[in-house]
Amino acid sequence: RAYLQGLQLSAEDQKSLSEKKKKKEE
């Protein structure tokens, strides 16, 4: 379960990172 939770956190981090990149590009 901890492994799956880690994957979920990674997905959330990637989403936030992609959003930050989009904001920087704009």
PDB file of N, CA and C in Angstrom:
ATOM      1  N   ARG A   1       0.847  -1.202   0.000  1.00  0.00           N
ATOM      2  CA  ARG A   1       0.000   0.000   0.000  1.00  0.00           C
ATOM      3  C   ARG A   1       0.879   1.247   0.000  1.00  0.00           C
ATOM      4  N   ALA A   2       1.934   1.221   0.774  1.00  0.00           N
ATOM      5  CA  ALA A   2       2.826   2.389   0.826  1.00  0.00           C
ATOM      6  C   ALA A   2       3.364   2.684  -0.569  1.00  0.00           C
ATOM      7  N   TYR A   3       3.648   1.605  -1.333  1.00  0.00           N
ATOM      8  CA  TYR A   3       4.184   1.798  -2.688  1.00  0.00           C
ATOM      9  C   TYR A   3       3.158   2.529  -3.546  1.00  0.00           C
ATOM     10  N   LEU A   4       1.899   2.088  -3.458  1.00  0.00           N
ATOM     11  CA  LEU A   4       0.846   2.736  -4.264  1.00  0.00           C
ATOM     12  C   LEU A   4       0.692   4.187  -3.825  1.00  0.00           C
ATOM     13  N   GLN A   5       0.749   4.428  -2.523  1.00  0.00           N
ATOM     14  CA  GLN A   5       0.624   5.800  -2.024  1.00  0.00           C
ATOM     15  C   GLN A   5       1.753   6.657  -2.592  1.00  0.00           C
ATOM     16  N   GLY A   6       2.950   6.088  -2.665  1.00  0.00           N
ATOM     17  CA  GLY A   6       4.091   6.819  -3.213  1.00  0.00           C
ATOM     18  C   GLY A   6       3.825   7.172  -4.663  1.00  0.00           C
ATOM     19  N   LEU A   7       3.257   6.229  -5.416  1.00  0.00           N
ATOM     20  CA  LEU A   7       2.958   6.495  -6.832  1.00  0.00           C
ATOM     21  C   LEU A   7       1.936   7.614  -6.922  1.00  0.00           C
ATOM     22  N   GLN A   8       0.941   7.598  -6.044  1.00  0.00           N
ATOM     23  CA  GLN A   8      -0.087   8.646  -6.064  1.00  0.00           C
ATOM     24  C   GLN A   8       0.559   9.997  -5.785  1.00  0.00           C
ATOM     25  N   LEU A   9       1.444  10.048  -4.792  1.00  0.00           N
ATOM     26  CA  LEU A   9       2.113  11.305  -4.469  1.00  0.00           C
ATOM     27  C   LEU A   9       2.930  11.772  -5.672  1.00  0.00           C
ATOM     28  N   SER A  10       3.612  10.844  -6.331  1.00  0.00           N
ATOM     29  CA  SER A  10       4.425  11.205  -7.497  1.00  0.00           C
ATOM     30  C   SER A  10       3.529  11.802  -8.574  1.00  0.00           C
ATOM     31  N   ALA A  11       2.375  11.199  -8.800  1.00  0.00           N
ATOM     32  CA  ALA A  11       1.442  11.700  -9.817  1.00  0.00           C
ATOM     33  C   ALA A  11       0.993  13.108  -9.434  1.00  0.00           C
ATOM     34  N   GLU A  12       0.691  13.319  -8.162  1.00  0.00           N
ATOM     35  CA  GLU A  12       0.258  14.650  -7.715  1.00  0.00           C
ATOM     36  C   GLU A  12       1.388  15.655  -7.928  1.00  0.00           C
ATOM     37  N   ASP A  13       2.611  15.278  -7.563  1.00  0.00           N
ATOM     38  CA  ASP A  13       3.759  16.176  -7.747  1.00  0.00           C
ATOM     39  C   ASP A  13       3.924  16.508  -9.223  1.00  0.00           C
ATOM     40  N   GLN A  14       3.823  15.510 -10.083  1.00  0.00           N
ATOM     41  CA  GLN A  14       3.989  15.746 -11.519  1.00  0.00           C
ATOM     42  C   GLN A  14       2.917  16.707 -12.012  1.00  0.00           C
ATOM     43  N   LYS A  15       1.699  16.556 -11.527  1.00  0.00           N
ATOM     44  CA  LYS A  15       0.603  17.449 -11.945  1.00  0.00           C
ATOM     45  C   LYS A  15       0.931  18.877 -11.523  1.00  0.00           C
ATOM     46  N   SER A  16       1.332  19.059 -10.268  1.00  0.00           N
ATOM     47  CA  SER A  16       1.650  20.400  -9.772  1.00  0.00           C
ATOM     48  C   SER A  16       2.830  20.974 -10.550  1.00  0.00           C
ATOM     49  N   LEU A  17       3.830  20.130 -10.851  1.00  0.00           N
ATOM     50  CA  LEU A  17       5.002  20.600 -11.600  1.00  0.00           C
ATOM     51  C   LEU A  17       4.577  21.043 -12.993  1.00  0.00           C
ATOM     52  N   SER A  18       3.750  20.248 -13.656  1.00  0.00           N
ATOM     53  CA  SER A  18       3.297  20.587 -15.013  1.00  0.00           C
ATOM     54  C   SER A  18       2.505  21.888 -14.965  1.00  0.00           C
ATOM     55  N   GLU A  19       1.712  22.071 -13.922  1.00  0.00           N
ATOM     56  CA  GLU A  19       0.921  23.300 -13.802  1.00  0.00           C
ATOM     57  C   GLU A  19       1.854  24.491 -13.618  1.00  0.00           C
ATOM     58  N   LYS A  20       2.880  24.337 -12.798  1.00  0.00           N
ATOM     59  CA  LYS A  20       3.839  25.425 -12.581  1.00  0.00           C
ATOM     60  C   LYS A  20       4.538  25.762 -13.891  1.00  0.00           C
ATOM     61  N   LYS A  21       4.926  24.734 -14.660  1.00  0.00           N
ATOM     62  CA  LYS A  21       5.598  24.967 -15.946  1.00  0.00           C
ATOM     63  C   LYS A  21       4.674  25.742 -16.877  1.00  0.00           C
ATOM     64  N   LYS A  22       3.403  25.377 -16.896  1.00  0.00           N
ATOM     65  CA  LYS A  22       2.434  26.072 -17.763  1.00  0.00           C
ATOM     66  C   LYS A  22       2.356  27.538 -17.358  1.00  0.00           C
ATOM     67  N   LYS A  23       2.307  27.794 -16.069  1.00  0.00           N
ATOM     68  CA  LYS A  23       2.222  29.179 -15.592  1.00  0.00           C
ATOM     69  C   LYS A  23       3.479  29.944 -16.012  1.00  0.00           C
ATOM     70  N   LYS A  24       4.633  29.302 -15.905  1.00  0.00           N
ATOM     71  CA  LYS A  24       5.891  29.967 -16.288  1.00  0.00           C
ATOM     72  C   LYS A  24       5.876  30.275 -17.780  1.00  0.00           C
ATOM     73  N   GLU A  25       5.390  29.329 -18.586  1.00  0.00           N
ATOM     74  CA  GLU A  25       5.371  29.528 -20.035  1.00  0.00           C
ATOM     75  C   GLU A  25       4.474  30.706 -20.397  1.00  0.00           C
ATOM     76  N   GLU A  26       3.356  30.862 -19.682  1.00  0.00           N
ATOM     77  CA  GLU A  26       2.417  31.944 -20.011  1.00  0.00           C
ATOM     78  C   GLU A  26       2.965  33.285 -19.649  1.00  0.00           C
TER      79      GLU A  26
END
